[in-house]
Amino acid sequence: MSRIAIDEARCKGCLLCTTVCPVGILVQSPRFNQQGYKVAEVRPEDRDKCTGCTSCALICPDLAITVWRSKKPKGGA
């Protein structure tokens, strides 16, 4: 299963990641980080919807998002 991790200490709450997520699972969190920014998050009920496309990590200006992609089976069936 693909997933992302957001480094809340690096996130400045620009929410650019929320605009490029093709499945719309990234949202603004009600929490603030230590710098006083509302960070981005994936709600627990949406975690399994991540496709691992890496769009969020590519657009993040603060390199706050890490993506783990699940391997696709070879050959296709």
PDB file of N, CA and C in Angstrom:
ATOM      1  N   MET A   1       0.846  -1.175   0.000  1.00  0.00           N
ATOM      2  CA  MET A   1       0.000   0.000   0.000  1.00  0.00           C
ATOM      3  C   MET A   1       0.896   1.244   0.000  1.00  0.00           C
ATOM      4  N   SER A   2       0.624   2.166  -0.884  1.00  0.00           N
ATOM      5  CA  SER A   2       1.357   3.426  -0.937  1.00  0.00           C
ATOM      6  C   SER A   2       0.905   4.322   0.210  1.00  0.00           C
ATOM      7  N   ARG A   3       1.837   5.172   0.661  1.00  0.00           N
ATOM      8  CA  ARG A   3       1.496   6.098   1.739  1.00  0.00           C
ATOM      9  C   ARG A   3       2.446   7.279   1.723  1.00  0.00           C
ATOM     10  N   ILE A   4       2.057   8.332   2.443  1.00  0.00           N
ATOM     11  CA  ILE A   4       2.928   9.488   2.575  1.00  0.00           C
ATOM     12  C   ILE A   4       3.140   9.789   4.044  1.00  0.00           C
ATOM     13  N   ALA A   5       4.226  10.501   4.317  1.00  0.00           N
ATOM     14  CA  ALA A   5       4.499  11.005   5.662  1.00  0.00           C
ATOM     15  C   ALA A   5       4.810  12.485   5.520  1.00  0.00           C
ATOM     16  N   ILE A   6       4.206  13.295   6.382  1.00  0.00           N
ATOM     17  CA  ILE A   6       4.432  14.732   6.359  1.00  0.00           C
ATOM     18  C   ILE A   6       5.246  15.112   7.586  1.00  0.00           C
ATOM     19  N   ASP A   7       6.392  15.735   7.353  1.00  0.00           N
ATOM     20  CA  ASP A   7       7.233  16.226   8.438  1.00  0.00           C
ATOM     21  C   ASP A   7       6.629  17.549   8.899  1.00  0.00           C
ATOM     22  N   GLU A   8       5.856  17.506   9.969  1.00  0.00           N
ATOM     23  CA  GLU A   8       5.122  18.686  10.422  1.00  0.00           C
ATOM     24  C   GLU A   8       6.044  19.826  10.835  1.00  0.00           C
ATOM     25  N   ALA A   9       7.255  19.528  11.252  1.00  0.00           N
ATOM     26  CA  ALA A   9       8.196  20.581  11.627  1.00  0.00           C
ATOM     27  C   ALA A   9       8.626  21.397  10.401  1.00  0.00           C
ATOM     28  N   ARG A  10       8.636  20.772   9.228  1.00  0.00           N
ATOM     29  CA  ARG A  10       9.038  21.459   7.988  1.00  0.00           C
ATOM     30  C   ARG A  10       7.858  22.106   7.263  1.00  0.00           C
ATOM     31  N   CYS A  11       6.652  21.609   7.499  1.00  0.00           N
ATOM     32  CA  CYS A  11       5.460  22.081   6.783  1.00  0.00           C
ATOM     33  C   CYS A  11       5.111  23.512   7.206  1.00  0.00           C
ATOM     34  N   LYS A  12       4.900  24.368   6.204  1.00  0.00           N
ATOM     35  CA  LYS A  12       4.521  25.754   6.477  1.00  0.00           C
ATOM     36  C   LYS A  12       3.062  26.035   6.142  1.00  0.00           C
ATOM     37  N   GLY A  13       2.308  24.988   5.901  1.00  0.00           N
ATOM     38  CA  GLY A  13       0.876  25.144   5.691  1.00  0.00           C
ATOM     39  C   GLY A  13       0.475  25.840   4.407  1.00  0.00           C
ATOM     40  N   CYS A  14       1.310  25.778   3.376  1.00  0.00           N
ATOM     41  CA  CYS A  14       0.968  26.431   2.102  1.00  0.00           C
ATOM     42  C   CYS A  14      -0.186  25.721   1.406  1.00  0.00           C
ATOM     43  N   LEU A  15      -0.335  24.430   1.681  1.00  0.00           N
ATOM     44  CA  LEU A  15      -1.412  23.592   1.143  1.00  0.00           C
ATOM     45  C   LEU A  15      -1.360  23.390  -0.367  1.00  0.00           C
ATOM     46  N   LEU A  16      -0.200  23.619  -0.965  1.00  0.00           N
ATOM     47  CA  LEU A  16      -0.057  23.316  -2.390  1.00  0.00           C
ATOM     48  C   LEU A  16      -0.307  21.834  -2.646  1.00  0.00           C
ATOM     49  N   CYS A  17       0.089  21.003  -1.713  1.00  0.00           N
ATOM     50  CA  CYS A  17      -0.102  19.558  -1.868  1.00  0.00           C
ATOM     51  C   CYS A  17      -1.576  19.190  -1.998  1.00  0.00           C
ATOM     52  N   THR A  18      -2.434  19.941  -1.326  1.00  0.00           N
ATOM     53  CA  THR A  18      -3.867  19.638  -1.391  1.00  0.00           C
ATOM     54  C   THR A  18      -4.443  19.925  -2.767  1.00  0.00           C
ATOM     55  N   THR A  19      -3.793  20.797  -3.521  1.00  0.00           N
ATOM     56  CA  THR A  19      -4.310  21.166  -4.847  1.00  0.00           C
ATOM     57  C   THR A  19      -3.932  20.175  -5.930  1.00  0.00           C
ATOM     58  N   VAL A  20      -2.902  19.357  -5.698  1.00  0.00           N
ATOM     59  CA  VAL A  20      -2.443  18.436  -6.738  1.00  0.00           C
ATOM     60  C   VAL A  20      -2.762  16.972  -6.461  1.00  0.00           C
ATOM     61  N   CYS A  21      -3.263  16.652  -5.295  1.00  0.00           N
ATOM     62  CA  CYS A  21      -3.578  15.261  -4.966  1.00  0.00           C
ATOM     63  C   CYS A  21      -4.738  14.782  -5.848  1.00  0.00           C
ATOM     64  N   PRO A  22      -4.506  13.773  -6.684  1.00  0.00           N
ATOM     65  CA  PRO A  22      -5.565  13.330  -7.597  1.00  0.00           C
ATOM     66  C   PRO A  22      -6.748  12.660  -6.900  1.00  0.00           C
ATOM     67  N   VAL A  23      -6.542  12.184  -5.684  1.00  0.00           N
ATOM     68  CA  VAL A  23      -7.646  11.536  -4.970  1.00  0.00           C
ATOM     69  C   VAL A  23      -8.180  12.404  -3.832  1.00  0.00           C
ATOM     70  N   GLY A  24      -7.607  13.585  -3.638  1.00  0.00           N
ATOM     71  CA  GLY A  24      -8.131  14.553  -2.677  1.00  0.00           C
ATOM     72  C   GLY A  24      -8.034  14.150  -1.220  1.00  0.00           C
ATOM     73  N   ILE A  25      -6.996  13.406  -0.840  1.00  0.00           N
ATOM     74  CA  ILE A  25      -6.905  12.950   0.549  1.00  0.00           C
ATOM     75  C   ILE A  25      -6.127  13.906   1.453  1.00  0.00           C
ATOM     76  N   LEU A  26      -5.415  14.855   0.887  1.00  0.00           N
ATOM     77  CA  LEU A  26      -4.667  15.815   1.695  1.00  0.00           C
ATOM     78  C   LEU A  26      -5.564  16.995   2.059  1.00  0.00           C
ATOM     79  N   VAL A  27      -5.591  17.325   3.350  1.00  0.00           N
ATOM     80  CA  VAL A  27      -6.420  18.414   3.856  1.00  0.00           C
ATOM     81  C   VAL A  27      -5.635  19.213   4.886  1.00  0.00           C
ATOM     82  N   GLN A  28      -6.153  20.386   5.236  1.00  0.00           N
ATOM     83  CA  GLN A  28      -5.537  21.179   6.286  1.00  0.00           C
ATOM     84  C   GLN A  28      -5.923  20.607   7.647  1.00  0.00           C
ATOM     85  N   SER A  29      -4.940  20.436   8.488  1.00  0.00           N
ATOM     86  CA  SER A  29      -5.162  19.901   9.820  1.00  0.00           C
ATOM     87  C   SER A  29      -5.653  21.002  10.757  1.00  0.00           C
ATOM     88  N   PRO A  30      -6.414  20.656  11.778  1.00  0.00           N
ATOM     89  CA  PRO A  30      -6.788  21.653  12.782  1.00  0.00           C
ATOM     90  C   PRO A  30      -5.631  21.942  13.752  1.00  0.00           C
ATOM     91  N   ARG A  31      -4.560  21.121  13.674  1.00  0.00           N
ATOM     92  CA  ARG A  31      -3.410  21.293  14.568  1.00  0.00           C
ATOM     93  C   ARG A  31      -2.435  22.328  14.027  1.00  0.00           C
ATOM     94  N   PHE A  32      -1.681  22.929  14.933  1.00  0.00           N
ATOM     95  CA  PHE A  32      -0.605  23.850  14.578  1.00  0.00           C
ATOM     96  C   PHE A  32       0.725  23.179  14.892  1.00  0.00           C
ATOM     97  N   ASN A  33       1.757  23.465  14.080  1.00  0.00           N
ATOM     98  CA  ASN A  33       3.086  22.961  14.409  1.00  0.00           C
ATOM     99  C   ASN A  33       3.787  23.974  15.325  1.00  0.00           C
ATOM    100  N   GLN A  34       5.038  23.730  15.669  1.00  0.00           N
ATOM    101  CA  GLN A  34       5.747  24.600  16.604  1.00  0.00           C
ATOM    102  C   GLN A  34       5.974  26.005  16.055  1.00  0.00           C
ATOM    103  N   GLN A  35       5.956  26.154  14.737  1.00  0.00           N
ATOM    104  CA  GLN A  35       6.131  27.477  14.143  1.00  0.00           C
ATOM    105  C   GLN A  35       4.810  28.244  14.033  1.00  0.00           C
ATOM    106  N   GLY A  36       3.714  27.600  14.382  1.00  0.00           N
ATOM    107  CA  GLY A  36       2.410  28.254  14.354  1.00  0.00           C
ATOM    108  C   GLY A  36       1.642  28.092  13.061  1.00  0.00           C
ATOM    109  N   TYR A  37       2.069  27.163  12.207  1.00  0.00           N
ATOM    110  CA  TYR A  37       1.377  26.917  10.937  1.00  0.00           C
ATOM    111  C   TYR A  37       0.411  25.751  11.084  1.00  0.00           C
ATOM    112  N   LYS A  38      -0.736  25.863  10.433  1.00  0.00           N
ATOM    113  CA  LYS A  38      -1.640  24.714  10.332  1.00  0.00           C
ATOM    114  C   LYS A  38      -1.088  23.830   9.228  1.00  0.00           C
ATOM    115  N   VAL A  39      -0.769  22.614   9.566  1.00  0.00           N
ATOM    116  CA  VAL A  39      -0.100  21.714   8.638  1.00  0.00           C
ATOM    117  C   VAL A  39      -1.094  20.911   7.804  1.00  0.00           C
ATOM    118  N   ALA A  40      -0.587  20.291   6.770  1.00  0.00           N
ATOM    119  CA  ALA A  40      -1.391  19.389   5.942  1.00  0.00           C
ATOM    120  C   ALA A  40      -1.393  18.010   6.593  1.00  0.00           C
ATOM    121  N   GLU A  41      -2.427  17.239   6.319  1.00  0.00           N
ATOM    122  CA  GLU A  41      -2.511  15.888   6.857  1.00  0.00           C
ATOM    123  C   GLU A  41      -3.376  15.020   5.958  1.00  0.00           C
ATOM    124  N   VAL A  42      -3.269  13.730   6.184  1.00  0.00           N
ATOM    125  CA  VAL A  42      -4.165  12.754   5.574  1.00  0.00           C
ATOM    126  C   VAL A  42      -4.976  12.162   6.719  1.00  0.00           C
ATOM    127  N   ARG A  43      -6.278  12.247   6.610  1.00  0.00           N
ATOM    128  CA  ARG A  43      -7.137  11.694   7.662  1.00  0.00           C
ATOM    129  C   ARG A  43      -6.953  10.180   7.727  1.00  0.00           C
ATOM    130  N   PRO A  44      -7.026   9.609   8.918  1.00  0.00           N
ATOM    131  CA  PRO A  44      -6.821   8.155   9.058  1.00  0.00           C
ATOM    132  C   PRO A  44      -7.715   7.310   8.147  1.00  0.00           C
ATOM    133  N   GLU A  45      -8.939   7.731   7.942  1.00  0.00           N
ATOM    134  CA  GLU A  45      -9.855   6.941   7.104  1.00  0.00           C
ATOM    135  C   GLU A  45      -9.507   7.020   5.611  1.00  0.00           C
ATOM    136  N   ASP A  46      -8.629   7.965   5.238  1.00  0.00           N
ATOM    137  CA  ASP A  46      -8.251   8.116   3.830  1.00  0.00           C
ATOM    138  C   ASP A  46      -6.862   7.574   3.519  1.00  0.00           C
ATOM    139  N   ARG A  47      -6.141   7.094   4.484  1.00  0.00           N
ATOM    140  CA  ARG A  47      -4.753   6.667   4.285  1.00  0.00           C
ATOM    141  C   ARG A  47      -4.599   5.581   3.226  1.00  0.00           C
ATOM    142  N   ASP A  48      -5.552   4.680   3.137  1.00  0.00           N
ATOM    143  CA  ASP A  48      -5.438   3.583   2.175  1.00  0.00           C
ATOM    144  C   ASP A  48      -5.794   4.004   0.745  1.00  0.00           C
ATOM    145  N   LYS A  49      -6.190   5.251   0.550  1.00  0.00           N
ATOM    146  CA  LYS A  49      -6.548   5.742  -0.778  1.00  0.00           C
ATOM    147  C   LYS A  49      -5.362   6.329  -1.541  1.00  0.00           C
ATOM    148  N   CYS A  50      -4.220   6.486  -0.878  1.00  0.00           N
ATOM    149  CA  CYS A  50      -3.039   7.066  -1.524  1.00  0.00           C
ATOM    150  C   CYS A  50      -2.585   6.178  -2.680  1.00  0.00           C
ATOM    151  N   THR A  51      -2.342   6.800  -3.842  1.00  0.00           N
ATOM    152  CA  THR A  51      -1.913   6.055  -5.022  1.00  0.00           C
ATOM    153  C   THR A  51      -0.399   6.052  -5.198  1.00  0.00           C
ATOM    154  N   GLY A  52       0.309   6.854  -4.397  1.00  0.00           N
ATOM    155  CA  GLY A  52       1.767   6.922  -4.515  1.00  0.00           C
ATOM    156  C   GLY A  52       2.227   7.688  -5.737  1.00  0.00           C
ATOM    157  N   CYS A  53       1.427   8.607  -6.221  1.00  0.00           N
ATOM    158  CA  CYS A  53       1.751   9.334  -7.454  1.00  0.00           C
ATOM    159  C   CYS A  53       2.918  10.317  -7.292  1.00  0.00           C
ATOM    160  N   THR A  54       3.222  10.717  -6.096  1.00  0.00           N
ATOM    161  CA  THR A  54       4.301  11.650  -5.708  1.00  0.00           C
ATOM    162  C   THR A  54       4.045  13.105  -6.082  1.00  0.00           C
ATOM    163  N   SER A  55       2.880  13.453  -6.559  1.00  0.00           N
ATOM    164  CA  SER A  55       2.591  14.844  -6.908  1.00  0.00           C
ATOM    165  C   SER A  55       2.753  15.771  -5.713  1.00  0.00           C
ATOM    166  N   CYS A  56       2.294  15.341  -4.559  1.00  0.00           N
ATOM    167  CA  CYS A  56       2.382  16.172  -3.364  1.00  0.00           C
ATOM    168  C   CYS A  56       3.834  16.449  -2.984  1.00  0.00           C
ATOM    169  N   ALA A  57       4.674  15.432  -3.039  1.00  0.00           N
ATOM    170  CA  ALA A  57       6.086  15.604  -2.683  1.00  0.00           C
ATOM    171  C   ALA A  57       6.807  16.485  -3.691  1.00  0.00           C
ATOM    172  N   LEU A  58       6.456  16.369  -4.960  1.00  0.00           N
ATOM    173  CA  LEU A  58       7.104  17.164  -5.997  1.00  0.00           C
ATOM    174  C   LEU A  58       6.766  18.646  -5.886  1.00  0.00           C
ATOM    175  N   ILE A  59       5.550  18.968  -5.476  1.00  0.00           N
ATOM    176  CA  ILE A  59       5.145  20.371  -5.406  1.00  0.00           C
ATOM    177  C   ILE A  59       5.516  21.035  -4.084  1.00  0.00           C
ATOM    178  N   CYS A  60       5.823  20.261  -3.068  1.00  0.00           N
ATOM    179  CA  CYS A  60       6.108  20.805  -1.735  1.00  0.00           C
ATOM    180  C   CYS A  60       7.408  21.624  -1.752  1.00  0.00           C
ATOM    181  N   PRO A  61       7.325  22.946  -1.500  1.00  0.00           N
ATOM    182  CA  PRO A  61       8.524  23.780  -1.541  1.00  0.00           C
ATOM    183  C   PRO A  61       9.454  23.572  -0.352  1.00  0.00           C
ATOM    184  N   ASP A  62       8.967  22.923   0.686  1.00  0.00           N
ATOM    185  CA  ASP A  62       9.762  22.731   1.900  1.00  0.00           C
ATOM    186  C   ASP A  62      10.260  21.303   2.078  1.00  0.00           C
ATOM    187  N   LEU A  63      10.040  20.456   1.079  1.00  0.00           N
ATOM    188  CA  LEU A  63      10.466  19.048   1.126  1.00  0.00           C
ATOM    189  C   LEU A  63       9.977  18.358   2.398  1.00  0.00           C
ATOM    190  N   ALA A  64       8.731  18.622   2.740  1.00  0.00           N
ATOM    191  CA  ALA A  64       8.155  18.096   3.969  1.00  0.00           C
ATOM    192  C   ALA A  64       7.413  16.774   3.775  1.00  0.00           C
ATOM    193  N   ILE A  65       7.327  16.291   2.537  1.00  0.00           N
ATOM    194  CA  ILE A  65       6.543  15.091   2.264  1.00  0.00           C
ATOM    195  C   ILE A  65       7.428  13.991   1.700  1.00  0.00           C
ATOM    196  N   THR A  66       7.309  12.814   2.306  1.00  0.00           N
ATOM    197  CA  THR A  66       7.993  11.619   1.825  1.00  0.00           C
ATOM    198  C   THR A  66       6.925  10.637   1.352  1.00  0.00           C
ATOM    199  N   VAL A  67       7.168  10.019   0.204  1.00  0.00           N
ATOM    200  CA  VAL A  67       6.200   9.080  -0.369  1.00  0.00           C
ATOM    201  C   VAL A  67       6.807   7.688  -0.421  1.00  0.00           C
ATOM    202  N   TRP A  68       6.049   6.715   0.037  1.00  0.00           N
ATOM    203  CA  TRP A  68       6.413   5.305  -0.108  1.00  0.00           C
ATOM    204  C   TRP A  68       5.411   4.707  -1.074  1.00  0.00           C
ATOM    205  N   ARG A  69       5.924   4.160  -2.182  1.00  0.00           N
ATOM    206  CA  ARG A  69       5.060   3.582  -3.196  1.00  0.00           C
ATOM    207  C   ARG A  69       5.062   2.075  -3.073  1.00  0.00           C
ATOM    208  N   SER A  70       3.892   1.494  -3.236  1.00  0.00           N
ATOM    209  CA  SER A  70       3.819   0.029  -3.232  1.00  0.00           C
ATOM    210  C   SER A  70       4.228  -0.481  -4.601  1.00  0.00           C
ATOM    211  N   LYS A  71       4.841  -1.657  -4.601  1.00  0.00           N
ATOM    212  CA  LYS A  71       5.272  -2.253  -5.858  1.00  0.00           C
ATOM    213  C   LYS A  71       4.064  -2.808  -6.600  1.00  0.00           C
ATOM    214  N   LYS A  72       4.083  -2.598  -7.904  1.00  0.00           N
ATOM    215  CA  LYS A  72       3.028  -3.135  -8.736  1.00  0.00           C
ATOM    216  C   LYS A  72       3.459  -4.519  -9.224  1.00  0.00           C
ATOM    217  N   PRO A  73       2.530  -5.449  -9.308  1.00  0.00           N
ATOM    218  CA  PRO A  73       2.910  -6.780  -9.791  1.00  0.00           C
ATOM    219  C   PRO A  73       3.369  -6.740 -11.238  1.00  0.00           C
ATOM    220  N   LYS A  74       4.388  -7.523 -11.543  1.00  0.00           N
ATOM    221  CA  LYS A  74       4.910  -7.584 -12.903  1.00  0.00           C
ATOM    222  C   LYS A  74       4.019  -8.434 -13.788  1.00  0.00           C
ATOM    223  N   GLY A  75       3.964  -8.087 -15.041  1.00  0.00           N
ATOM    224  CA  GLY A  75       3.233  -8.898 -16.000  1.00  0.00           C
ATOM    225  C   GLY A  75       1.785  -8.505 -16.190  1.00  0.00           C
ATOM    226  N   GLY A  76       1.108  -8.164 -15.150  1.00  0.00           N
ATOM    227  CA  GLY A  76      -0.303  -7.796 -15.258  1.00  0.00           C
ATOM    228  C   GLY A  76      -1.173  -9.011 -15.524  1.00  0.00           C
ATOM    229  N   ALA A  77      -2.203  -9.116 -14.772  1.00  0.00           N
ATOM    230  CA  ALA A  77      -3.088 -10.262 -14.952  1.00  0.00           C
ATOM    231  C   ALA A  77      -4.527  -9.847 -14.942  1.00  0.00           C
TER     232      ALA A  77
END
